[in-house]
Amino acid sequence: MNLTRLIRRNRFKPKPTPQGQGGGWQWPVFFAQWRSYARRGALSLSSLALLATLMWGLDRPVRVVSMDGSFQRVSPAEIETAIAPFAREGFMSANLDDIQRAVEALPWVDHARIARRWPNSLHVTVTEQTAAARWRESGLLNTRGELFVREATHVPAELPRLSGPDGSESQVAQRYLSLQGRMLEAGMRIAALRLDERGAWEMDLDSGVTVRLGRRDVEERLDRFIKTTSQVIVHHLSEINYVDMRYSNGFAIGWRNQGTPASTAQKRANDADA
């Protein structure tokens, strides 16, 4: 056979398609993959079954609840009562987030941390609230200005007394912190701070003098009181009932034994805040 003709014939001869490739679905490959998937599925199911069995074996009833904290206002008995409904669920199935919320709902509890301790106990760490101020007659505010007790059976006498409309607790607490720091630098201390329904501010000093700051320019009026008025009244604290700073460029003093206050300036004609 002519060599040239043979080469030409082989050049145009279609090449065979390799086994397992091409345009069709190859049954042997499918069965090989199916067996692999089946093995993986069986292994996953076995692992889940083993884990479920292990969890079931570990989920024994909670026998011990241990605690630590200062416990000055919160009793261990109150905490045990709050935890009891959840502890019956079991060591592993007890929801720690739900337990934490139940403990933190107790009065005087600021924060709680719950942890599991092998083999059948829960440990509770409690941080109590710190009372920073009295709210109205018997409420208590914490250091963040949050009202955490509305009707306290015992209110420390040394706490400053804050008051205002419902929902203004944080606003009054922030204003108190702002004013108190500046008053302490000037050698004075705020014993009480009030915000009335119209938005006017008034404070009582620990010397017994009331300072009326009104609704507008509160910071400016406080500065004026610290720089000028305090120097005038420092020698007459026992004789002064109040100092009214709601004036454009001065103040008025109300004496304890006089019905008419002494004024050092004219009050603004449009200053109707009290």
C-alpha atoms as a PDB file:
ATOM      1  CA  MET A   1       0.000   0.000   0.000  1.00  0.00           C
ATOM      2  CA  ASN A   2       1.227   3.417  -0.852  1.00  0.00           C
ATOM      3  CA  LEU A   3       2.647   5.038   2.319  1.00  0.00           C
ATOM      4  CA  THR A   4       1.384   8.485   1.379  1.00  0.00           C
ATOM      5  CA  ARG A   5      -2.177   7.178   0.916  1.00  0.00           C
ATOM      6  CA  LEU A   6      -2.062   5.404   4.273  1.00  0.00           C
ATOM      7  CA  ILE A   7      -0.984   8.562   6.108  1.00  0.00           C
ATOM      8  CA  ARG A   8      -3.802  10.547   4.515  1.00  0.00           C
ATOM      9  CA  ARG A   9      -6.364   7.924   5.518  1.00  0.00           C
ATOM     10  CA  ASN A  10      -5.201   7.956   9.132  1.00  0.00           C
ATOM     11  CA  ARG A  11      -5.298  11.744   9.326  1.00  0.00           C
ATOM     12  CA  PHE A  12      -9.013  11.882   8.605  1.00  0.00           C
ATOM     13  CA  LYS A  13      -9.997   8.793  10.592  1.00  0.00           C
ATOM     14  CA  PRO A  14     -12.171   9.799  13.615  1.00  0.00           C
ATOM     15  CA  LYS A  15     -10.570   9.220  16.979  1.00  0.00           C
ATOM     16  CA  PRO A  16     -12.390   6.933  19.437  1.00  0.00           C
ATOM     17  CA  THR A  17     -14.096   8.625  22.386  1.00  0.00           C
ATOM     18  CA  PRO A  18     -12.480   7.702  25.729  1.00  0.00           C
ATOM     19  CA  GLN A  19     -14.624   5.603  28.014  1.00  0.00           C
ATOM     20  CA  GLY A  20     -16.510   7.671  30.616  1.00  0.00           C
ATOM     21  CA  GLN A  21     -16.489  10.853  28.489  1.00  0.00           C
ATOM     22  CA  GLY A  22     -18.722  12.272  25.879  1.00  0.00           C
ATOM     23  CA  GLY A  23     -22.204  13.673  25.653  1.00  0.00           C
ATOM     24  CA  GLY A  24     -24.075  10.903  27.478  1.00  0.00           C
ATOM     25  CA  TRP A  25     -24.633   9.947  31.130  1.00  0.00           C
ATOM     26  CA  GLN A  26     -22.124   7.235  32.048  1.00  0.00           C
ATOM     27  CA  TRP A  27     -23.713   4.624  34.330  1.00  0.00           C
ATOM     28  CA  PRO A  28     -20.480   3.296  35.849  1.00  0.00           C
ATOM     29  CA  VAL A  29     -19.451   6.799  36.982  1.00  0.00           C
ATOM     30  CA  PHE A  30     -22.922   7.418  38.480  1.00  0.00           C
ATOM     31  CA  PHE A  31     -22.819   4.216  40.499  1.00  0.00           C
ATOM     32  CA  ALA A  32     -19.313   5.024  41.779  1.00  0.00           C
ATOM     33  CA  GLN A  33     -20.417   8.473  42.948  1.00  0.00           C
ATOM     34  CA  TRP A  34     -23.637   7.088  44.456  1.00  0.00           C
ATOM     35  CA  ARG A  35     -21.691   4.656  46.576  1.00  0.00           C
ATOM     36  CA  SER A  36     -19.422   7.486  47.764  1.00  0.00           C
ATOM     37  CA  TYR A  37     -22.418   9.660  48.687  1.00  0.00           C
ATOM     38  CA  ALA A  38     -24.065   6.770  50.485  1.00  0.00           C
ATOM     39  CA  ARG A  39     -20.946   6.140  52.548  1.00  0.00           C
ATOM     40  CA  ARG A  40     -20.713   9.831  53.473  1.00  0.00           C
ATOM     41  CA  GLY A  41     -24.390   9.964  54.394  1.00  0.00           C
ATOM     42  CA  ALA A  42     -24.119   6.884  56.561  1.00  0.00           C
ATOM     43  CA  LEU A  43     -21.063   8.309  58.297  1.00  0.00           C
ATOM     44  CA  SER A  44     -22.887  11.604  58.983  1.00  0.00           C
ATOM     45  CA  LEU A  45     -25.929   9.811  60.371  1.00  0.00           C
ATOM     46  CA  SER A  46     -23.730   7.672  62.583  1.00  0.00           C
ATOM     47  CA  SER A  47     -21.966  10.779  63.908  1.00  0.00           C
ATOM     48  CA  LEU A  48     -25.283  12.505  64.629  1.00  0.00           C
ATOM     49  CA  ALA A  49     -26.629   9.443  66.363  1.00  0.00           C
ATOM     50  CA  LEU A  50     -23.482   9.190  68.485  1.00  0.00           C
ATOM     51  CA  LEU A  51     -23.689  12.881  69.376  1.00  0.00           C
ATOM     52  CA  ALA A  52     -27.379  12.594  70.286  1.00  0.00           C
ATOM     53  CA  THR A  53     -26.630   9.584  72.472  1.00  0.00           C
ATOM     54  CA  LEU A  54     -23.797  11.450  74.153  1.00  0.00           C
ATOM     55  CA  MET A  55     -25.973  14.515  74.765  1.00  0.00           C
ATOM     56  CA  TRP A  56     -28.750  12.332  76.172  1.00  0.00           C
ATOM     57  CA  GLY A  57     -26.283  10.691  78.526  1.00  0.00           C
ATOM     58  CA  LEU A  58     -24.860  14.020  79.684  1.00  0.00           C
ATOM     59  CA  ASP A  59     -28.212  15.778  80.094  1.00  0.00           C
ATOM     60  CA  ARG A  60     -28.690  14.715  83.676  1.00  0.00           C
ATOM     61  CA  PRO A  61     -30.674  16.834  86.142  1.00  0.00           C
ATOM     62  CA  VAL A  62     -28.930  19.827  87.688  1.00  0.00           C
ATOM     63  CA  ARG A  63     -28.139  18.915  91.291  1.00  0.00           C
ATOM     64  CA  VAL A  64     -26.048  21.871  92.451  1.00  0.00           C
ATOM     65  CA  VAL A  65     -26.303  25.635  91.928  1.00  0.00           C
ATOM     66  CA  SER A  66     -23.243  27.535  93.154  1.00  0.00           C
ATOM     67  CA  MET A  67     -23.003  31.332  93.361  1.00  0.00           C
ATOM     68  CA  ASP A  68     -20.607  34.152  94.031  1.00  0.00           C
ATOM     69  CA  GLY A  69     -21.108  37.896  94.441  1.00  0.00           C
ATOM     70  CA  SER A  70     -21.384  40.526  97.149  1.00  0.00           C
ATOM     71  CA  PHE A  71     -25.033  39.639  98.037  1.00  0.00           C
ATOM     72  CA  GLN A  72     -25.722  42.791 100.008  1.00  0.00           C
ATOM     73  CA  ARG A  73     -29.147  43.414  98.458  1.00  0.00           C
ATOM     74  CA  VAL A  74     -29.818  40.134  96.627  1.00  0.00           C
ATOM     75  CA  SER A  75     -30.217  36.880  98.546  1.00  0.00           C
ATOM     76  CA  PRO A  76     -29.091  33.445  97.278  1.00  0.00           C
ATOM     77  CA  ALA A  77     -32.627  32.183  97.895  1.00  0.00           C
ATOM     78  CA  GLU A  78     -34.008  34.685  95.358  1.00  0.00           C
ATOM     79  CA  ILE A  79     -31.519  33.481  92.764  1.00  0.00           C
ATOM     80  CA  GLU A  80     -32.328  29.817  93.408  1.00  0.00           C
ATOM     81  CA  THR A  81     -36.027  30.561  92.955  1.00  0.00           C
ATOM     82  CA  ALA A  82     -35.357  32.335  89.645  1.00  0.00           C
ATOM     83  CA  ILE A  83     -33.214  29.446  88.361  1.00  0.00           C
ATOM     84  CA  ALA A  84     -35.410  26.563  89.534  1.00  0.00           C
ATOM     85  CA  PRO A  85     -37.745  26.346  86.466  1.00  0.00           C
ATOM     86  CA  PHE A  86     -34.774  26.143  84.099  1.00  0.00           C
ATOM     87  CA  ALA A  87     -32.623  23.784  86.148  1.00  0.00           C
ATOM     88  CA  ARG A  88     -35.242  21.055  85.788  1.00  0.00           C
ATOM     89  CA  GLU A  89     -34.573  20.982  82.027  1.00  0.00           C
ATOM     90  CA  GLY A  90     -31.231  19.224  82.483  1.00  0.00           C
ATOM     91  CA  PHE A  91     -27.517  19.976  82.565  1.00  0.00           C
ATOM     92  CA  MET A  92     -27.084  20.275  78.783  1.00  0.00           C
ATOM     93  CA  SER A  93     -30.551  21.376  77.695  1.00  0.00           C
ATOM     94  CA  ALA A  94     -30.893  24.268  80.178  1.00  0.00           C
ATOM     95  CA  ASN A  95     -30.822  27.550  78.235  1.00  0.00           C
ATOM     96  CA  LEU A  96     -28.157  29.736  79.837  1.00  0.00           C
ATOM     97  CA  ASP A  97     -29.415  32.906  78.139  1.00  0.00           C
ATOM     98  CA  ASP A  98     -32.907  32.400  79.581  1.00  0.00           C
ATOM     99  CA  ILE A  99     -31.443  31.777  83.035  1.00  0.00           C
ATOM    100  CA  GLN A 100     -29.342  34.949  82.781  1.00  0.00           C
ATOM    101  CA  ARG A 101     -32.393  37.026  81.855  1.00  0.00           C
ATOM    102  CA  ALA A 102     -34.384  35.546  84.752  1.00  0.00           C
ATOM    103  CA  VAL A 103     -31.649  36.396  87.272  1.00  0.00           C
ATOM    104  CA  GLU A 104     -31.112  39.899  85.871  1.00  0.00           C
ATOM    105  CA  ALA A 105     -34.852  40.575  86.207  1.00  0.00           C
ATOM    106  CA  LEU A 106     -34.457  40.466  89.993  1.00  0.00           C
ATOM    107  CA  PRO A 107     -34.327  43.844  91.788  1.00  0.00           C
ATOM    108  CA  TRP A 108     -30.775  44.992  92.570  1.00  0.00           C
ATOM    109  CA  VAL A 109     -29.191  42.599  90.047  1.00  0.00           C
ATOM    110  CA  ASP A 110     -27.175  44.559  87.498  1.00  0.00           C
ATOM    111  CA  HIS A 111     -25.521  41.683  85.633  1.00  0.00           C
ATOM    112  CA  ALA A 112     -25.391  37.904  85.882  1.00  0.00           C
ATOM    113  CA  ARG A 113     -23.122  35.321  84.267  1.00  0.00           C
ATOM    114  CA  ILE A 114     -24.164  31.651  84.084  1.00  0.00           C
ATOM    115  CA  ALA A 115     -21.813  28.735  83.433  1.00  0.00           C
ATOM    116  CA  ARG A 116     -22.099  24.929  83.370  1.00  0.00           C
ATOM    117  CA  ARG A 117     -19.815  22.954  85.658  1.00  0.00           C
ATOM    118  CA  TRP A 118     -19.302  19.268  85.081  1.00  0.00           C
ATOM    119  CA  PRO A 119     -21.010  16.999  85.807  1.00  0.00           C
ATOM    120  CA  ASN A 120     -24.339  18.394  87.057  1.00  0.00           C
ATOM    121  CA  SER A 121     -24.049  21.940  88.412  1.00  0.00           C
ATOM    122  CA  LEU A 122     -24.612  25.540  87.332  1.00  0.00           C
ATOM    123  CA  HIS A 123     -22.513  28.440  88.588  1.00  0.00           C
ATOM    124  CA  VAL A 124     -23.990  31.945  88.858  1.00  0.00           C
ATOM    125  CA  THR A 125     -21.902  35.105  89.218  1.00  0.00           C
ATOM    126  CA  VAL A 126     -23.946  38.133  90.257  1.00  0.00           C
ATOM    127  CA  THR A 127     -23.009  41.821  90.108  1.00  0.00           C
ATOM    128  CA  GLU A 128     -25.351  44.013  92.121  1.00  0.00           C
ATOM    129  CA  GLN A 129     -26.592  47.457  91.186  1.00  0.00           C
ATOM    130  CA  THR A 130     -24.872  50.513  92.652  1.00  0.00           C
ATOM    131  CA  ALA A 131     -27.327  53.153  93.816  1.00  0.00           C
ATOM    132  CA  ALA A 132     -26.008  56.542  92.676  1.00  0.00           C
ATOM    133  CA  ALA A 133     -29.034  58.746  93.363  1.00  0.00           C
ATOM    134  CA  ARG A 134     -32.569  58.765  94.732  1.00  0.00           C
ATOM    135  CA  TRP A 135     -35.382  59.245  92.242  1.00  0.00           C
ATOM    136  CA  ARG A 136     -38.301  61.180  93.718  1.00  0.00           C
ATOM    137  CA  GLU A 137     -39.299  59.740  97.090  1.00  0.00           C
ATOM    138  CA  SER A 138     -38.207  56.116  97.016  1.00  0.00           C
ATOM    139  CA  GLY A 139     -36.858  55.262  93.557  1.00  0.00           C
ATOM    140  CA  LEU A 140     -33.191  54.511  92.929  1.00  0.00           C
ATOM    141  CA  LEU A 141     -30.976  55.297  89.934  1.00  0.00           C
ATOM    142  CA  ASN A 142     -27.803  53.391  89.094  1.00  0.00           C
ATOM    143  CA  THR A 143     -24.544  54.905  87.819  1.00  0.00           C
ATOM    144  CA  ARG A 144     -25.922  54.889  84.238  1.00  0.00           C
ATOM    145  CA  GLY A 145     -28.954  56.947  85.232  1.00  0.00           C
ATOM    146  CA  GLU A 146     -31.323  53.972  84.956  1.00  0.00           C
ATOM    147  CA  LEU A 147     -34.241  53.587  87.348  1.00  0.00           C
ATOM    148  CA  PHE A 148     -33.787  50.060  88.688  1.00  0.00           C
ATOM    149  CA  VAL A 149     -35.998  50.228  91.812  1.00  0.00           C
ATOM    150  CA  ARG A 150     -39.195  52.293  91.949  1.00  0.00           C
ATOM    151  CA  GLU A 151     -40.153  51.624  95.543  1.00  0.00           C
ATOM    152  CA  ALA A 152     -37.091  50.939  97.687  1.00  0.00           C
ATOM    153  CA  THR A 153     -37.668  49.946 101.301  1.00  0.00           C
ATOM    154  CA  HIS A 154     -34.389  51.554 102.315  1.00  0.00           C
ATOM    155  CA  VAL A 155     -32.957  54.674 100.666  1.00  0.00           C
ATOM    156  CA  PRO A 156     -29.503  55.804 101.828  1.00  0.00           C
ATOM    157  CA  ALA A 157     -29.808  59.325 103.223  1.00  0.00           C
ATOM    158  CA  GLU A 158     -26.536  60.465 101.652  1.00  0.00           C
ATOM    159  CA  LEU A 159     -27.759  59.957  98.077  1.00  0.00           C
ATOM    160  CA  PRO A 160     -28.594  63.087  96.042  1.00  0.00           C
ATOM    161  CA  ARG A 161     -32.309  63.526  95.353  1.00  0.00           C
ATOM    162  CA  LEU A 162     -33.272  63.778  91.695  1.00  0.00           C
ATOM    163  CA  SER A 163     -36.760  64.230  90.274  1.00  0.00           C
ATOM    164  CA  GLY A 164     -38.526  65.026  87.031  1.00  0.00           C
ATOM    165  CA  PRO A 165     -41.338  63.916  84.708  1.00  0.00           C
ATOM    166  CA  ASP A 166     -41.744  60.225  83.863  1.00  0.00           C
ATOM    167  CA  GLY A 167     -39.099  59.111  81.379  1.00  0.00           C
ATOM    168  CA  SER A 168     -36.658  61.915  82.230  1.00  0.00           C
ATOM    169  CA  GLU A 169     -34.509  59.845  84.608  1.00  0.00           C
ATOM    170  CA  SER A 170     -31.518  59.620  82.283  1.00  0.00           C
ATOM    171  CA  GLN A 171     -31.733  63.309  81.297  1.00  0.00           C
ATOM    172  CA  VAL A 172     -31.822  64.469  84.924  1.00  0.00           C
ATOM    173  CA  ALA A 173     -29.005  62.102  85.913  1.00  0.00           C
ATOM    174  CA  GLN A 174     -26.779  63.373  83.092  1.00  0.00           C
ATOM    175  CA  ARG A 175     -27.492  66.988  84.008  1.00  0.00           C
ATOM    176  CA  TYR A 176     -26.720  66.240  87.653  1.00  0.00           C
ATOM    177  CA  LEU A 177     -23.347  64.704  86.769  1.00  0.00           C
ATOM    178  CA  SER A 178     -22.529  67.702  84.569  1.00  0.00           C
ATOM    179  CA  LEU A 179     -23.435  70.273  87.225  1.00  0.00           C
ATOM    180  CA  GLN A 180     -22.088  68.406  90.233  1.00  0.00           C
ATOM    181  CA  GLY A 181     -18.571  68.159  88.866  1.00  0.00           C
ATOM    182  CA  ARG A 182     -18.351  71.928  88.382  1.00  0.00           C
ATOM    183  CA  MET A 183     -19.952  72.667  91.746  1.00  0.00           C
ATOM    184  CA  LEU A 184     -17.471  70.412  93.556  1.00  0.00           C
ATOM    185  CA  GLU A 185     -14.586  72.271  91.917  1.00  0.00           C
ATOM    186  CA  ALA A 186     -16.083  75.483  93.332  1.00  0.00           C
ATOM    187  CA  GLY A 187     -16.329  73.992  96.831  1.00  0.00           C
ATOM    188  CA  MET A 188     -20.091  73.370  96.797  1.00  0.00           C
ATOM    189  CA  ARG A 189     -22.212  70.235  96.557  1.00  0.00           C
ATOM    190  CA  ILE A 190     -25.639  69.593  94.995  1.00  0.00           C
ATOM    191  CA  ALA A 191     -28.011  67.820  97.375  1.00  0.00           C
ATOM    192  CA  ALA A 192     -31.031  67.791  95.040  1.00  0.00           C
ATOM    193  CA  LEU A 193     -31.816  68.536  91.392  1.00  0.00           C
ATOM    194  CA  ARG A 194     -35.325  68.961  89.968  1.00  0.00           C
ATOM    195  CA  LEU A 195     -36.773  69.267  86.478  1.00  0.00           C
ATOM    196  CA  ASP A 196     -40.388  70.426  86.347  1.00  0.00           C
ATOM    197  CA  GLU A 197     -43.047  69.742  83.713  1.00  0.00           C
ATOM    198  CA  ARG A 198     -42.173  72.951  81.840  1.00  0.00           C
ATOM    199  CA  GLY A 199     -38.485  72.050  81.590  1.00  0.00           C
ATOM    200  CA  ALA A 200     -37.172  74.413  84.273  1.00  0.00           C
ATOM    201  CA  TRP A 201     -34.240  73.350  86.463  1.00  0.00           C
ATOM    202  CA  GLU A 202     -33.768  73.973  90.171  1.00  0.00           C
ATOM    203  CA  MET A 203     -31.130  72.642  92.565  1.00  0.00           C
ATOM    204  CA  ASP A 204     -30.645  72.543  96.322  1.00  0.00           C
ATOM    205  CA  LEU A 205     -27.158  72.859  97.771  1.00  0.00           C
ATOM    206  CA  ASP A 206     -26.098  70.897 100.836  1.00  0.00           C
ATOM    207  CA  SER A 207     -25.966  74.279 102.632  1.00  0.00           C
ATOM    208  CA  GLY A 208     -29.758  74.544 102.268  1.00  0.00           C
ATOM    209  CA  VAL A 209     -29.775  77.236  99.564  1.00  0.00           C
ATOM    210  CA  THR A 210     -31.987  76.677  96.504  1.00  0.00           C
ATOM    211  CA  VAL A 211     -30.661  77.868  93.134  1.00  0.00           C
ATOM    212  CA  ARG A 212     -33.211  78.504  90.375  1.00  0.00           C
ATOM    213  CA  LEU A 213     -31.721  78.044  86.909  1.00  0.00           C
ATOM    214  CA  GLY A 214     -34.851  78.052  84.726  1.00  0.00           C
ATOM    215  CA  ARG A 215     -35.271  76.590  81.257  1.00  0.00           C
ATOM    216  CA  ARG A 216     -32.799  78.536  79.117  1.00  0.00           C
ATOM    217  CA  ASP A 217     -29.052  79.099  79.239  1.00  0.00           C
ATOM    218  CA  VAL A 218     -28.657  76.683  82.163  1.00  0.00           C
ATOM    219  CA  GLU A 219     -24.910  76.222  81.709  1.00  0.00           C
ATOM    220  CA  GLU A 220     -24.344  79.961  81.335  1.00  0.00           C
ATOM    221  CA  ARG A 221     -26.389  80.726  84.446  1.00  0.00           C
ATOM    222  CA  LEU A 222     -24.485  78.116  86.434  1.00  0.00           C
ATOM    223  CA  ASP A 223     -21.189  79.690  85.352  1.00  0.00           C
ATOM    224  CA  ARG A 224     -22.441  83.071  86.489  1.00  0.00           C
ATOM    225  CA  PHE A 225     -23.547  81.638  89.810  1.00  0.00           C
ATOM    226  CA  ILE A 226     -20.162  80.012  90.414  1.00  0.00           C
ATOM    227  CA  LYS A 227     -18.114  83.058  89.401  1.00  0.00           C
ATOM    228  CA  THR A 228     -20.071  85.818  91.085  1.00  0.00           C
ATOM    229  CA  THR A 229     -23.081  84.814  93.158  1.00  0.00           C
ATOM    230  CA  SER A 230     -21.356  82.179  95.270  1.00  0.00           C
ATOM    231  CA  GLN A 231     -18.805  84.754  96.397  1.00  0.00           C
ATOM    232  CA  VAL A 232     -21.615  87.082  97.492  1.00  0.00           C
ATOM    233  CA  ILE A 233     -23.668  84.520  99.396  1.00  0.00           C
ATOM    234  CA  VAL A 234     -20.881  82.470 100.966  1.00  0.00           C
ATOM    235  CA  HIS A 235     -20.974  84.510 104.169  1.00  0.00           C
ATOM    236  CA  HIS A 236     -24.793  84.538 104.409  1.00  0.00           C
ATOM    237  CA  LEU A 237     -25.754  80.935 103.695  1.00  0.00           C
ATOM    238  CA  SER A 238     -27.786  80.552 106.877  1.00  0.00           C
ATOM    239  CA  GLU A 239     -29.816  83.653 106.000  1.00  0.00           C
ATOM    240  CA  ILE A 240     -30.563  82.863 102.338  1.00  0.00           C
ATOM    241  CA  ASN A 241     -33.542  80.845 101.183  1.00  0.00           C
ATOM    242  CA  TYR A 242     -32.943  80.889  97.428  1.00  0.00           C
ATOM    243  CA  VAL A 243     -30.929  82.494  94.647  1.00  0.00           C
ATOM    244  CA  ASP A 244     -32.782  83.194  91.386  1.00  0.00           C
ATOM    245  CA  MET A 245     -30.446  83.179  88.364  1.00  0.00           C
ATOM    246  CA  ARG A 246     -33.188  83.710  85.748  1.00  0.00           C
ATOM    247  CA  TYR A 247     -32.033  87.239  84.963  1.00  0.00           C
ATOM    248  CA  SER A 248     -30.312  88.591  81.901  1.00  0.00           C
ATOM    249  CA  ASN A 249     -27.259  89.969  83.720  1.00  0.00           C
ATOM    250  CA  GLY A 250     -27.651  89.310  87.421  1.00  0.00           C
ATOM    251  CA  PHE A 251     -29.561  87.453  90.122  1.00  0.00           C
ATOM    252  CA  ALA A 252     -32.049  87.844  92.963  1.00  0.00           C
ATOM    253  CA  ILE A 253     -31.699  86.625  96.544  1.00  0.00           C
ATOM    254  CA  GLY A 254     -34.607  85.489  98.681  1.00  0.00           C
ATOM    255  CA  TRP A 255     -33.828  85.933 102.378  1.00  0.00           C
ATOM    256  CA  ARG A 256     -35.276  83.570 104.944  1.00  0.00           C
ATOM    257  CA  ASN A 257     -36.679  86.346 107.164  1.00  0.00           C
ATOM    258  CA  GLN A 258     -37.762  88.773 104.438  1.00  0.00           C
ATOM    259  CA  GLY A 259     -40.735  88.597 102.149  1.00  0.00           C
ATOM    260  CA  THR A 260     -39.202  90.636  99.312  1.00  0.00           C
ATOM    261  CA  PRO A 261     -36.139  89.309  97.497  1.00  0.00           C
ATOM    262  CA  ALA A 262     -33.182  91.559  96.847  1.00  0.00           C
ATOM    263  CA  SER A 263     -32.449  91.827  93.136  1.00  0.00           C
ATOM    264  CA  THR A 264     -29.222  92.992  91.507  1.00  0.00           C
ATOM    265  CA  ALA A 265     -30.543  93.154  87.949  1.00  0.00           C
ATOM    266  CA  GLN A 266     -33.677  93.353  85.839  1.00  0.00           C
ATOM    267  CA  LYS A 267     -35.328  90.113  84.862  1.00  0.00           C
ATOM    268  CA  ARG A 268     -35.871  89.460  81.187  1.00  0.00           C
ATOM    269  CA  ALA A 269     -39.267  90.642  80.062  1.00  0.00           C
ATOM    270  CA  ASN A 270     -39.865  87.419  78.144  1.00  0.00           C
ATOM    271  CA  ASP A 271     -38.314  85.077  80.724  1.00  0.00           C
ATOM    272  CA  ALA A 272     -41.369  83.321  82.122  1.00  0.00           C
ATOM    273  CA  ASP A 273     -39.632  80.089  83.145  1.00  0.00           C
ATOM    274  CA  ALA A 274     -39.817  79.132  86.815  1.00  0.00           C
END
